[in-house]
Amino acid sequence: MLRLSFTTSVEAPLTVAFDVAEALGGPWPAELQPVSAARPEREQRAGVVRGGRLTLTRRFTATAAGTRVEDQVEWAAGPLARLLGRRRLERAVRAHLDGYVVAAERRALDVLQVVGAAVVDEGRVLVAQRSGGPFDGLWEFPGGKVEPGEPQLAALVRECREELGVTVEPGAFVGEVLLDGVVGGGAPGASTLRVWTARLVEGDPVAHEHAQLRWVRAGELDALDWIPADRPLLPALRPYL
């Protein structure tokens, strides 16, 4: 069994990284057929390539820069085929990944994203209560939509200025969560929420767009009634409090 591993970084959210990978298939799209998928974290394909059973497993992980894509190739071929085919296999996978990165980053430009700020101060995090709409009364991290062509961290700073009247400095990447609905008129389930910690640089937070603001500690997080997108990020946030 020949095993090869490849790691690729792409400046695209999880959904885009996954969907483009699934659309392109593998380096041998005619031979590899889908086996399983768990969007947007994992997909697997398999088929017969050059006389041996080949399985391609892809895993997608959110990072501050976008998405890390880990490819593992397992090729069950004879010793001679593995010896003669290893380099050809590596070249095919790397060429495929180069094209994949270009396609995913181009597609990411058309998908509207949402960013959030977990503003941390002295072991507390600032949370905001929604006012109106389907999530009226629920709690969230301040933030909003990224404008076309706007860097995500610039959008985070802008949203905090507009919603809270403060200047913040982004910190550590907390995580990314799939948004199931339509965002900004895009396709359902195409967008994600990406959250960073942030620290106050200037100003005192004021609820310009929310019902109220509250500073809470780690032990108080679970008691709040969160919007569905933000609750999965609480375990990743706790170490920063």
Protein backbone atom coordinates (compact mmCIF):
# COMPACT_ATOMS: atom_id res chain seq x y z
CA MET A 1 0.00 0.00 0.00
CA LEU A 2 1.45 3.35 -1.07
CA ARG A 3 0.40 6.27 1.11
CA LEU A 4 0.96 9.93 0.24
CA SER A 5 -0.11 13.03 2.17
CA PHE A 6 -0.53 16.59 0.88
CA THR A 7 -1.45 19.78 2.73
CA THR A 8 -2.79 22.85 0.93
CA SER A 9 -3.91 26.26 2.20
CA VAL A 10 -6.62 28.13 0.35
CA GLU A 11 -7.97 31.62 1.03
CA ALA A 12 -11.58 30.54 1.08
CA PRO A 13 -14.18 29.62 3.71
CA LEU A 14 -14.90 25.99 4.53
CA THR A 15 -18.00 25.79 2.36
CA VAL A 16 -16.23 27.09 -0.74
CA ALA A 17 -13.16 24.92 -0.16
CA PHE A 18 -15.37 21.85 0.18
CA ASP A 19 -17.78 22.60 -2.68
CA VAL A 20 -15.05 23.36 -5.21
CA ALA A 21 -13.11 20.23 -4.22
CA GLU A 22 -16.24 18.13 -4.60
CA ALA A 23 -17.03 19.68 -8.00
CA LEU A 24 -13.51 19.11 -9.35
CA GLY A 25 -13.23 15.59 -7.96
CA GLY A 26 -9.71 14.16 -7.88
CA PRO A 27 -6.75 14.20 -10.25
CA TRP A 28 -8.45 11.30 -12.04
CA PRO A 29 -12.12 12.38 -12.07
CA ALA A 30 -13.20 9.63 -14.49
CA GLU A 31 -11.81 6.88 -12.26
CA LEU A 32 -12.62 8.17 -8.76
CA GLN A 33 -16.20 8.00 -7.55
CA PRO A 34 -17.67 9.58 -4.36
CA VAL A 35 -17.70 7.23 -1.37
CA SER A 36 -18.75 9.47 1.52
CA ALA A 37 -18.97 13.15 2.45
CA ALA A 38 -19.66 15.26 5.52
CA ARG A 39 -19.94 18.83 4.32
CA PRO A 40 -17.87 20.90 4.91
CA GLU A 41 -15.36 18.81 6.91
CA ARG A 42 -14.59 15.68 4.92
CA GLU A 43 -15.03 13.82 1.63
CA GLN A 44 -13.71 10.55 0.24
CA ARG A 45 -13.41 9.13 -3.28
CA ALA A 46 -12.15 5.80 -4.57
CA GLY A 47 -11.56 3.92 -7.80
CA VAL A 48 -9.09 1.91 -9.85
CA VAL A 49 -6.12 3.94 -11.14
CA ARG A 50 -3.35 2.30 -13.18
CA GLY A 51 -4.27 -1.16 -12.03
CA GLY A 52 -4.54 -0.44 -8.32
CA ARG A 53 -7.33 0.57 -5.94
CA LEU A 54 -6.85 4.25 -5.04
CA THR A 55 -8.63 6.05 -2.19
CA LEU A 56 -8.50 9.84 -1.81
CA THR A 57 -9.58 11.24 1.57
CA ARG A 58 -9.84 15.01 2.06
CA ARG A 59 -10.24 16.88 5.34
CA PHE A 60 -11.02 20.59 5.61
CA THR A 61 -10.06 22.67 8.65
CA ALA A 62 -10.77 26.36 9.24
CA THR A 63 -7.75 28.59 9.86
CA ALA A 64 -7.25 32.32 10.33
CA ALA A 65 -6.13 32.58 6.69
CA GLY A 66 -8.93 30.44 5.23
CA THR A 67 -9.04 26.65 4.99
CA ARG A 68 -6.40 23.96 5.33
CA VAL A 69 -7.03 21.02 3.01
CA GLU A 70 -5.36 17.72 3.86
CA ASP A 71 -5.31 15.06 1.16
CA GLN A 72 -4.39 11.47 1.92
CA VAL A 73 -3.89 9.13 -1.02
CA GLU A 74 -3.81 5.35 -0.51
CA TRP A 75 -2.93 3.27 -3.56
CA ALA A 76 -3.16 -0.53 -3.34
CA ALA A 77 -1.03 -1.55 -6.32
CA GLY A 78 1.74 -4.05 -6.95
CA PRO A 79 5.35 -3.28 -5.94
CA LEU A 80 6.49 -2.50 -9.50
CA ALA A 81 3.48 -0.29 -10.19
CA ARG A 82 4.10 1.60 -6.95
CA LEU A 83 7.78 2.04 -7.77
CA LEU A 84 7.16 3.30 -11.31
CA GLY A 85 4.00 5.26 -10.49
CA ARG A 86 4.90 7.16 -7.30
CA ARG A 87 6.37 10.22 -8.98
CA ARG A 88 3.64 10.30 -11.60
CA LEU A 89 1.07 10.07 -8.81
CA GLU A 90 2.68 12.92 -6.88
CA ARG A 91 2.85 15.15 -9.98
CA ALA A 92 -0.79 14.49 -10.80
CA VAL A 93 -1.97 15.34 -7.28
CA ARG A 94 0.14 18.50 -7.02
CA ALA A 95 -1.00 19.75 -10.43
CA HIS A 96 -4.60 19.09 -9.45
CA LEU A 97 -4.17 20.97 -6.15
CA ASP A 98 -2.62 23.98 -7.89
CA GLY A 99 -5.67 24.27 -10.12
CA TYR A 100 -7.97 23.66 -7.18
CA VAL A 101 -6.52 26.56 -5.16
CA VAL A 102 -7.01 28.97 -8.06
CA ALA A 103 -10.61 27.83 -8.58
CA ALA A 104 -11.52 27.95 -4.87
CA GLU A 105 -10.06 31.40 -4.30
CA ARG A 106 -11.83 32.74 -7.37
CA ARG A 107 -15.14 31.24 -6.19
CA ALA A 108 -14.64 32.70 -2.69
CA LEU A 109 -14.84 36.21 -4.15
CA ASP A 110 -18.52 35.60 -5.00
CA VAL A 111 -19.61 34.24 -1.60
CA LEU A 112 -20.67 36.77 1.01
CA GLN A 113 -19.13 36.06 4.41
CA VAL A 114 -19.99 37.03 8.00
CA VAL A 115 -17.43 37.90 10.69
CA GLY A 116 -17.83 38.21 14.45
CA ALA A 117 -15.76 39.71 17.26
CA ALA A 118 -15.42 38.14 20.69
CA VAL A 119 -14.25 41.31 22.44
CA VAL A 120 -12.31 40.16 25.52
CA ASP A 121 -11.37 42.33 28.49
CA GLU A 122 -10.06 41.16 31.89
CA GLY A 123 -11.47 37.65 31.63
CA ARG A 124 -14.84 38.76 30.26
CA VAL A 125 -16.33 38.75 26.76
CA LEU A 126 -18.79 41.26 25.33
CA VAL A 127 -22.07 39.79 24.10
CA ALA A 128 -24.93 41.54 22.33
CA GLN A 129 -28.67 40.82 22.39
CA ARG A 130 -30.51 40.85 19.08
CA SER A 131 -33.32 43.35 18.59
CA GLY A 132 -36.02 42.33 16.09
CA GLY A 133 -35.98 39.71 13.38
CA PRO A 134 -36.18 35.91 13.72
CA PHE A 135 -33.54 35.84 16.48
CA ASP A 136 -35.04 38.65 18.57
CA GLY A 137 -33.82 38.46 22.16
CA LEU A 138 -31.04 35.96 21.47
CA TRP A 139 -27.38 36.66 22.18
CA GLU A 140 -24.48 36.86 19.74
CA PHE A 141 -21.00 38.20 19.16
CA PRO A 142 -21.03 41.62 17.46
CA GLY A 143 -20.21 41.57 13.77
CA GLY A 144 -21.78 41.42 10.33
CA LYS A 145 -21.33 40.94 6.61
CA VAL A 146 -18.04 41.44 4.78
CA GLU A 147 -18.32 43.89 1.90
CA PRO A 148 -17.16 42.70 -1.57
CA GLY A 149 -13.40 43.04 -1.80
CA GLU A 150 -13.06 43.91 1.90
CA PRO A 151 -10.52 41.96 4.00
CA GLN A 152 -12.26 40.02 6.74
CA LEU A 153 -10.36 41.60 9.63
CA ALA A 154 -11.04 45.07 8.23
CA ALA A 155 -14.73 44.14 8.15
CA LEU A 156 -14.54 43.03 11.78
CA VAL A 157 -13.04 46.37 12.85
CA ARG A 158 -15.62 48.30 10.79
CA GLU A 159 -18.58 46.34 12.18
CA CYS A 160 -17.46 46.95 15.78
CA ARG A 161 -17.16 50.65 15.04
CA GLU A 162 -20.64 50.78 13.50
CA GLU A 163 -22.42 48.52 16.02
CA LEU A 164 -20.58 49.42 19.21
CA GLY A 165 -18.90 52.78 18.55
CA VAL A 166 -15.48 51.40 19.50
CA THR A 167 -12.15 50.66 17.89
CA VAL A 168 -10.90 47.10 18.33
CA GLU A 169 -7.77 45.18 17.43
CA PRO A 170 -8.39 41.63 16.14
CA GLY A 171 -6.59 38.85 17.95
CA ALA A 172 -6.74 35.05 17.77
CA PHE A 173 -8.93 33.13 15.34
CA VAL A 174 -11.66 31.36 17.33
CA GLY A 175 -13.39 29.31 14.65
CA GLU A 176 -15.79 29.01 11.75
CA VAL A 177 -19.41 27.83 11.65
CA LEU A 178 -21.62 26.95 8.70
CA LEU A 179 -24.60 29.27 8.14
CA ASP A 180 -27.48 27.18 6.84
CA GLY A 181 -29.61 29.98 5.44
CA VAL A 182 -29.31 32.56 2.67
CA VAL A 183 -26.86 35.39 3.36
CA GLY A 184 -26.95 38.54 1.24
CA GLY A 185 -28.94 36.89 -1.53
CA GLY A 186 -26.42 34.09 -2.05
CA ALA A 187 -26.98 30.37 -2.28
CA PRO A 188 -28.34 28.63 0.84
CA GLY A 189 -25.57 27.23 3.01
CA ALA A 190 -22.74 28.88 1.06
CA SER A 191 -21.67 31.37 3.74
CA THR A 192 -20.02 30.84 7.10
CA LEU A 193 -19.47 32.85 10.27
CA ARG A 194 -15.80 33.38 11.16
CA VAL A 195 -15.02 34.72 14.65
CA TRP A 196 -11.86 36.25 16.12
CA THR A 197 -11.08 37.51 19.59
CA ALA A 198 -10.52 41.27 19.81
CA ARG A 199 -9.38 43.81 22.37
CA LEU A 200 -10.71 47.29 22.93
CA VAL A 201 -8.37 50.02 21.70
CA GLU A 202 -10.60 53.06 22.02
CA GLY A 203 -14.10 53.88 23.25
CA ASP A 204 -16.76 52.34 25.47
CA PRO A 205 -19.21 49.91 23.83
CA VAL A 206 -22.70 51.29 23.16
CA ALA A 207 -25.59 49.24 21.77
CA HIS A 208 -26.28 51.13 18.53
CA GLU A 209 -27.98 48.17 16.81
CA HIS A 210 -28.72 45.73 19.64
CA ALA A 211 -31.21 45.66 22.51
CA GLN A 212 -28.42 45.56 25.08
CA LEU A 213 -24.79 44.63 25.69
CA ARG A 214 -23.37 42.59 28.53
CA TRP A 215 -19.92 41.57 29.77
CA VAL A 216 -19.91 37.91 30.84
CA ARG A 217 -17.35 35.45 32.20
CA ALA A 218 -16.69 31.89 31.06
CA GLY A 219 -19.02 30.39 33.65
CA GLU A 220 -21.94 32.50 32.44
CA LEU A 221 -21.75 31.65 28.73
CA ASP A 222 -23.92 28.52 28.75
CA ALA A 223 -26.77 30.27 30.57
CA LEU A 224 -27.34 32.70 27.69
CA ASP A 225 -29.81 31.95 24.90
CA TRP A 226 -27.45 32.12 21.91
CA ILE A 227 -28.20 32.34 18.21
CA PRO A 228 -27.51 28.92 16.62
CA ALA A 229 -24.39 30.05 14.75
CA ASP A 230 -22.49 31.34 17.79
CA ARG A 231 -23.10 28.62 20.39
CA PRO A 232 -20.78 26.01 18.75
CA LEU A 233 -17.86 28.43 19.18
CA LEU A 234 -18.13 28.72 22.98
CA PRO A 235 -15.75 25.83 23.81
CA ALA A 236 -13.05 27.37 21.58
CA LEU A 237 -13.56 30.78 23.20
CA ARG A 238 -13.24 29.68 26.84
CA PRO A 239 -9.40 29.43 26.88
CA TYR A 240 -9.24 33.17 26.06
CA LEU A 241 -11.26 34.03 29.18
